[in-house]
Amino acid sequence: MEPPSRYAGTDIIIEDARWRASVPGTERAIRRALVAVARQGGPDFTQSPAPSILLATDRVVKRLNARFRDKNKPTNVLTFEPLSPAHGGDIVLGYETVRREAAAASRSLRAHLSHLVVHGALHLAGYDHHHPGEAREMEGIETRTLRSLGFGDPWRQGNWQQAGSVRI
């Protein structure tokens, strides 16, 4: 039996069972990504409230994207700022879009899920990518984090397969 995760307080809600079927050990993969991003200089949710993570469908993400961003289409990940200091914010991912992006980039779904969890966690910590300098900093943390997890550089095409992983 594994020791309790430092991120055991992270609420992970799997609304769409395809996530669990496509990424064995889904919850563990998410918690590993959160631990890894903290080790690479990103947010350390042992020192602040951890985010809630919702693994949903594109339909759910589209509805949220329309309501909160006025964009009537699904996206891969949405991040919602904490409502109070006691809450860590929310990260919401859409299955169909994430799976389609992973396949198009020849990445495993596990690798892409891990990347988007890291990306969302960095947004919750105040990182952004609207300006070149900000983008370089955020992408640097993402790259170091994904490499530490055994995945390739998330910004280089075809560099995502983890040794021994099955491409989905």
C-alpha atoms as a PDB file:
ATOM      1  CA  MET A   1       0.000   0.000   0.000  1.00  0.00           C
ATOM      2  CA  GLU A   2       1.278   3.463  -0.899  1.00  0.00           C
ATOM      3  CA  PRO A   3       1.694   6.135   1.766  1.00  0.00           C
ATOM      4  CA  PRO A   4      -0.961   8.852   1.685  1.00  0.00           C
ATOM      5  CA  SER A   5      -0.352  11.479  -0.962  1.00  0.00           C
ATOM      6  CA  ARG A   6       0.589  14.983   0.104  1.00  0.00           C
ATOM      7  CA  TYR A   7      -2.293  15.977  -2.160  1.00  0.00           C
ATOM      8  CA  ALA A   8      -4.873  13.651  -0.662  1.00  0.00           C
ATOM      9  CA  GLY A   9      -7.013  16.773  -0.089  1.00  0.00           C
ATOM     10  CA  THR A  10      -7.385  17.348  -3.816  1.00  0.00           C
ATOM     11  CA  ASP A  11     -10.951  16.560  -4.798  1.00  0.00           C
ATOM     12  CA  ILE A  12     -10.945  14.663  -8.072  1.00  0.00           C
ATOM     13  CA  ILE A  13     -14.372  14.196  -9.594  1.00  0.00           C
ATOM     14  CA  ILE A  14     -14.576  11.842 -12.555  1.00  0.00           C
ATOM     15  CA  GLU A  15     -17.859  12.757 -14.210  1.00  0.00           C
ATOM     16  CA  ASP A  16     -17.119  10.770 -17.369  1.00  0.00           C
ATOM     17  CA  ALA A  17     -16.071   7.128 -16.862  1.00  0.00           C
ATOM     18  CA  ARG A  18     -14.066   7.183 -20.096  1.00  0.00           C
ATOM     19  CA  TRP A  19     -11.320   9.033 -18.220  1.00  0.00           C
ATOM     20  CA  ARG A  20     -10.794   6.141 -15.832  1.00  0.00           C
ATOM     21  CA  ALA A  21     -11.033   3.563 -18.635  1.00  0.00           C
ATOM     22  CA  SER A  22      -8.506   5.449 -20.796  1.00  0.00           C
ATOM     23  CA  VAL A  23      -6.029   6.427 -18.079  1.00  0.00           C
ATOM     24  CA  PRO A  24      -5.546   3.616 -15.546  1.00  0.00           C
ATOM     25  CA  GLY A  25      -4.730   5.124 -12.164  1.00  0.00           C
ATOM     26  CA  THR A  26      -6.263   8.451 -13.177  1.00  0.00           C
ATOM     27  CA  GLU A  27      -6.282   9.933  -9.681  1.00  0.00           C
ATOM     28  CA  ARG A  28      -2.686   8.890  -9.053  1.00  0.00           C
ATOM     29  CA  ALA A  29      -1.577  10.475 -12.350  1.00  0.00           C
ATOM     30  CA  ILE A  30      -3.225  13.756 -11.346  1.00  0.00           C
ATOM     31  CA  ARG A  31      -1.679  13.756  -7.873  1.00  0.00           C
ATOM     32  CA  ARG A  32       1.756  12.925  -9.331  1.00  0.00           C
ATOM     33  CA  ALA A  33       1.440  15.920 -11.680  1.00  0.00           C
ATOM     34  CA  LEU A  34       0.620  18.223  -8.746  1.00  0.00           C
ATOM     35  CA  VAL A  35       3.591  16.957  -6.723  1.00  0.00           C
ATOM     36  CA  ALA A  36       5.901  17.283  -9.736  1.00  0.00           C
ATOM     37  CA  VAL A  37       4.916  20.872 -10.566  1.00  0.00           C
ATOM     38  CA  ALA A  38       5.644  21.922  -6.967  1.00  0.00           C
ATOM     39  CA  ARG A  39       9.123  20.373  -7.251  1.00  0.00           C
ATOM     40  CA  GLN A  40       9.788  22.410 -10.388  1.00  0.00           C
ATOM     41  CA  GLY A  41       8.950  25.775  -8.833  1.00  0.00           C
ATOM     42  CA  GLY A  42       5.216  25.791  -9.423  1.00  0.00           C
ATOM     43  CA  PRO A  43       2.482  25.965  -6.794  1.00  0.00           C
ATOM     44  CA  ASP A  44       2.852  23.818  -3.686  1.00  0.00           C
ATOM     45  CA  PHE A  45      -0.633  22.876  -2.592  1.00  0.00           C
ATOM     46  CA  THR A  46       0.650  21.451   0.686  1.00  0.00           C
ATOM     47  CA  GLN A  47       1.082  25.093   1.720  1.00  0.00           C
ATOM     48  CA  SER A  48      -2.256  26.320   0.365  1.00  0.00           C
ATOM     49  CA  PRO A  49      -5.635  24.779  -0.485  1.00  0.00           C
ATOM     50  CA  ALA A  50      -5.456  22.279  -3.324  1.00  0.00           C
ATOM     51  CA  PRO A  51      -7.655  22.662  -6.395  1.00  0.00           C
ATOM     52  CA  SER A  52     -10.658  20.544  -7.185  1.00  0.00           C
ATOM     53  CA  ILE A  53     -10.353  18.731 -10.491  1.00  0.00           C
ATOM     54  CA  LEU A  54     -13.336  17.753 -12.620  1.00  0.00           C
ATOM     55  CA  LEU A  55     -12.816  15.279 -15.445  1.00  0.00           C
ATOM     56  CA  ALA A  56     -15.872  15.929 -17.570  1.00  0.00           C
ATOM     57  CA  THR A  57     -17.196  15.742 -21.104  1.00  0.00           C
ATOM     58  CA  ASP A  58     -16.871  18.349 -23.821  1.00  0.00           C
ATOM     59  CA  ARG A  59     -20.558  19.081 -23.338  1.00  0.00           C
ATOM     60  CA  VAL A  60     -19.973  20.171 -19.726  1.00  0.00           C
ATOM     61  CA  VAL A  61     -16.876  22.187 -20.662  1.00  0.00           C
ATOM     62  CA  LYS A  62     -18.720  23.864 -23.545  1.00  0.00           C
ATOM     63  CA  ARG A  63     -21.510  24.918 -21.194  1.00  0.00           C
ATOM     64  CA  LEU A  64     -19.027  26.360 -18.670  1.00  0.00           C
ATOM     65  CA  ASN A  65     -16.993  28.046 -21.403  1.00  0.00           C
ATOM     66  CA  ALA A  66     -20.130  29.712 -22.781  1.00  0.00           C
ATOM     67  CA  ARG A  67     -21.319  30.840 -19.366  1.00  0.00           C
ATOM     68  CA  PHE A  68     -18.041  32.181 -17.981  1.00  0.00           C
ATOM     69  CA  ARG A  69     -16.023  33.106 -21.081  1.00  0.00           C
ATOM     70  CA  ASP A  70     -18.723  33.823 -23.696  1.00  0.00           C
ATOM     71  CA  LYS A  71     -17.201  31.154 -25.955  1.00  0.00           C
ATOM     72  CA  ASN A  72     -19.793  28.650 -27.095  1.00  0.00           C
ATOM     73  CA  LYS A  73     -17.373  25.802 -27.762  1.00  0.00           C
ATOM     74  CA  PRO A  74     -15.498  23.187 -25.783  1.00  0.00           C
ATOM     75  CA  THR A  75     -11.842  23.612 -24.850  1.00  0.00           C
ATOM     76  CA  ASN A  76      -9.291  21.287 -23.301  1.00  0.00           C
ATOM     77  CA  VAL A  77      -9.043  22.851 -19.848  1.00  0.00           C
ATOM     78  CA  LEU A  78     -10.772  25.603 -17.884  1.00  0.00           C
ATOM     79  CA  THR A  79      -9.390  27.026 -14.674  1.00  0.00           C
ATOM     80  CA  PHE A  80     -11.540  28.852 -12.141  1.00  0.00           C
ATOM     81  CA  GLU A  81      -9.997  31.043  -9.465  1.00  0.00           C
ATOM     82  CA  PRO A  82     -10.746  30.220  -5.828  1.00  0.00           C
ATOM     83  CA  LEU A  83     -13.976  31.670  -4.470  1.00  0.00           C
ATOM     84  CA  SER A  84     -12.424  32.118  -1.034  1.00  0.00           C
ATOM     85  CA  PRO A  85      -9.005  31.714   0.620  1.00  0.00           C
ATOM     86  CA  ALA A  86     -10.135  28.316   1.943  1.00  0.00           C
ATOM     87  CA  HIS A  87     -10.753  26.992  -1.591  1.00  0.00           C
ATOM     88  CA  GLY A  88      -8.001  26.064  -4.072  1.00  0.00           C
ATOM     89  CA  GLY A  89      -9.873  26.810  -7.276  1.00  0.00           C
ATOM     90  CA  ASP A  90     -11.115  24.427  -9.946  1.00  0.00           C
ATOM     91  CA  ILE A  91      -9.586  22.745 -12.978  1.00  0.00           C
ATOM     92  CA  VAL A  92     -12.069  21.276 -15.484  1.00  0.00           C
ATOM     93  CA  LEU A  93     -11.045  19.097 -18.435  1.00  0.00           C
ATOM     94  CA  GLY A  94     -13.122  17.936 -21.410  1.00  0.00           C
ATOM     95  CA  TYR A  95     -12.564  14.315 -22.384  1.00  0.00           C
ATOM     96  CA  GLU A  96     -13.226  14.443 -26.116  1.00  0.00           C
ATOM     97  CA  THR A  97     -11.043  17.499 -26.750  1.00  0.00           C
ATOM     98  CA  VAL A  98      -8.181  16.232 -24.587  1.00  0.00           C
ATOM     99  CA  ARG A  99      -8.291  12.814 -26.241  1.00  0.00           C
ATOM    100  CA  ARG A 100      -8.438  14.327 -29.744  1.00  0.00           C
ATOM    101  CA  GLU A 101      -5.482  16.646 -29.005  1.00  0.00           C
ATOM    102  CA  ALA A 102      -3.430  13.793 -27.562  1.00  0.00           C
ATOM    103  CA  ALA A 103      -4.067  11.610 -30.610  1.00  0.00           C
ATOM    104  CA  ALA A 104      -3.305  14.439 -33.050  1.00  0.00           C
ATOM    105  CA  ALA A 105       0.030  15.088 -31.332  1.00  0.00           C
ATOM    106  CA  SER A 106       0.925  11.376 -30.952  1.00  0.00           C
ATOM    107  CA  ARG A 107       0.856  11.734 -27.164  1.00  0.00           C
ATOM    108  CA  SER A 108      -0.509   9.350 -24.602  1.00  0.00           C
ATOM    109  CA  LEU A 109      -3.698  10.508 -22.935  1.00  0.00           C
ATOM    110  CA  ARG A 110      -1.873  10.179 -19.582  1.00  0.00           C
ATOM    111  CA  ALA A 111       0.850  12.582 -20.775  1.00  0.00           C
ATOM    112  CA  HIS A 112      -1.631  15.143 -22.075  1.00  0.00           C
ATOM    113  CA  LEU A 113      -3.822  14.908 -18.959  1.00  0.00           C
ATOM    114  CA  SER A 114      -0.724  15.441 -16.796  1.00  0.00           C
ATOM    115  CA  HIS A 115       0.297  18.448 -18.870  1.00  0.00           C
ATOM    116  CA  LEU A 116      -3.123  20.077 -18.635  1.00  0.00           C
ATOM    117  CA  VAL A 117      -3.326  19.513 -14.864  1.00  0.00           C
ATOM    118  CA  VAL A 118       0.084  21.197 -14.527  1.00  0.00           C
ATOM    119  CA  HIS A 119      -1.058  24.000 -16.860  1.00  0.00           C
ATOM    120  CA  GLY A 120      -4.220  24.561 -14.815  1.00  0.00           C
ATOM    121  CA  ALA A 121      -2.306  24.496 -11.519  1.00  0.00           C
ATOM    122  CA  LEU A 122       0.075  27.149 -12.842  1.00  0.00           C
ATOM    123  CA  HIS A 123      -2.862  29.354 -13.849  1.00  0.00           C
ATOM    124  CA  LEU A 124      -4.271  29.016 -10.319  1.00  0.00           C
ATOM    125  CA  ALA A 125      -0.895  30.162  -8.983  1.00  0.00           C
ATOM    126  CA  GLY A 126      -1.043  33.296 -11.129  1.00  0.00           C
ATOM    127  CA  TYR A 127       1.037  32.211 -14.133  1.00  0.00           C
ATOM    128  CA  ASP A 128      -0.197  33.195 -17.570  1.00  0.00           C
ATOM    129  CA  HIS A 129       0.858  33.044 -21.217  1.00  0.00           C
ATOM    130  CA  HIS A 130      -0.555  36.206 -22.782  1.00  0.00           C
ATOM    131  CA  HIS A 131       2.867  37.835 -23.256  1.00  0.00           C
ATOM    132  CA  PRO A 132       6.038  36.188 -24.585  1.00  0.00           C
ATOM    133  CA  GLY A 133       8.002  36.500 -21.328  1.00  0.00           C
ATOM    134  CA  GLU A 134       5.154  35.054 -19.276  1.00  0.00           C
ATOM    135  CA  ALA A 135       4.661  32.257 -21.792  1.00  0.00           C
ATOM    136  CA  ARG A 136       8.378  31.296 -21.699  1.00  0.00           C
ATOM    137  CA  GLU A 137       8.343  31.121 -17.912  1.00  0.00           C
ATOM    138  CA  MET A 138       5.154  29.059 -17.771  1.00  0.00           C
ATOM    139  CA  GLU A 139       6.225  26.749 -20.595  1.00  0.00           C
ATOM    140  CA  GLY A 140       9.613  26.248 -18.917  1.00  0.00           C
ATOM    141  CA  ILE A 141       7.981  25.017 -15.717  1.00  0.00           C
ATOM    142  CA  GLU A 142       5.622  22.808 -17.726  1.00  0.00           C
ATOM    143  CA  THR A 143       8.524  21.298 -19.686  1.00  0.00           C
ATOM    144  CA  ARG A 144      10.632  20.583 -16.586  1.00  0.00           C
ATOM    145  CA  THR A 145       7.613  19.113 -14.820  1.00  0.00           C
ATOM    146  CA  LEU A 146       6.602  16.819 -17.676  1.00  0.00           C
ATOM    147  CA  ARG A 147      10.191  15.656 -18.142  1.00  0.00           C
ATOM    148  CA  SER A 148      10.412  14.857 -14.422  1.00  0.00           C
ATOM    149  CA  LEU A 149       7.341  12.643 -14.885  1.00  0.00           C
ATOM    150  CA  GLY A 150       9.034  10.758 -17.710  1.00  0.00           C
ATOM    151  CA  PHE A 151       7.307  12.519 -20.600  1.00  0.00           C
ATOM    152  CA  GLY A 152       8.965  14.560 -23.311  1.00  0.00           C
ATOM    153  CA  ASP A 153       8.842  18.288 -23.890  1.00  0.00           C
ATOM    154  CA  PRO A 154       5.134  19.179 -24.173  1.00  0.00           C
ATOM    155  CA  TRP A 155       5.924  21.869 -26.739  1.00  0.00           C
ATOM    156  CA  ARG A 156       7.749  19.621 -29.210  1.00  0.00           C
ATOM    157  CA  GLN A 157       5.699  17.530 -31.598  1.00  0.00           C
ATOM    158  CA  GLY A 158       6.101  13.756 -31.289  1.00  0.00           C
ATOM    159  CA  ASN A 159       8.150  13.988 -28.097  1.00  0.00           C
ATOM    160  CA  TRP A 160       5.562  12.717 -25.638  1.00  0.00           C
ATOM    161  CA  GLN A 161       5.728   8.984 -25.321  1.00  0.00           C
ATOM    162  CA  GLN A 162       6.729   7.682 -21.961  1.00  0.00           C
ATOM    163  CA  ALA A 163       8.886   4.573 -22.128  1.00  0.00           C
ATOM    164  CA  GLY A 164       6.600   1.576 -22.082  1.00  0.00           C
ATOM    165  CA  SER A 165       3.384   3.565 -22.343  1.00  0.00           C
ATOM    166  CA  VAL A 166       0.617   2.728 -24.754  1.00  0.00           C
ATOM    167  CA  ARG A 167      -0.473   5.451 -27.131  1.00  0.00           C
ATOM    168  CA  ILE A 168      -4.178   6.137 -26.881  1.00  0.00           C
END
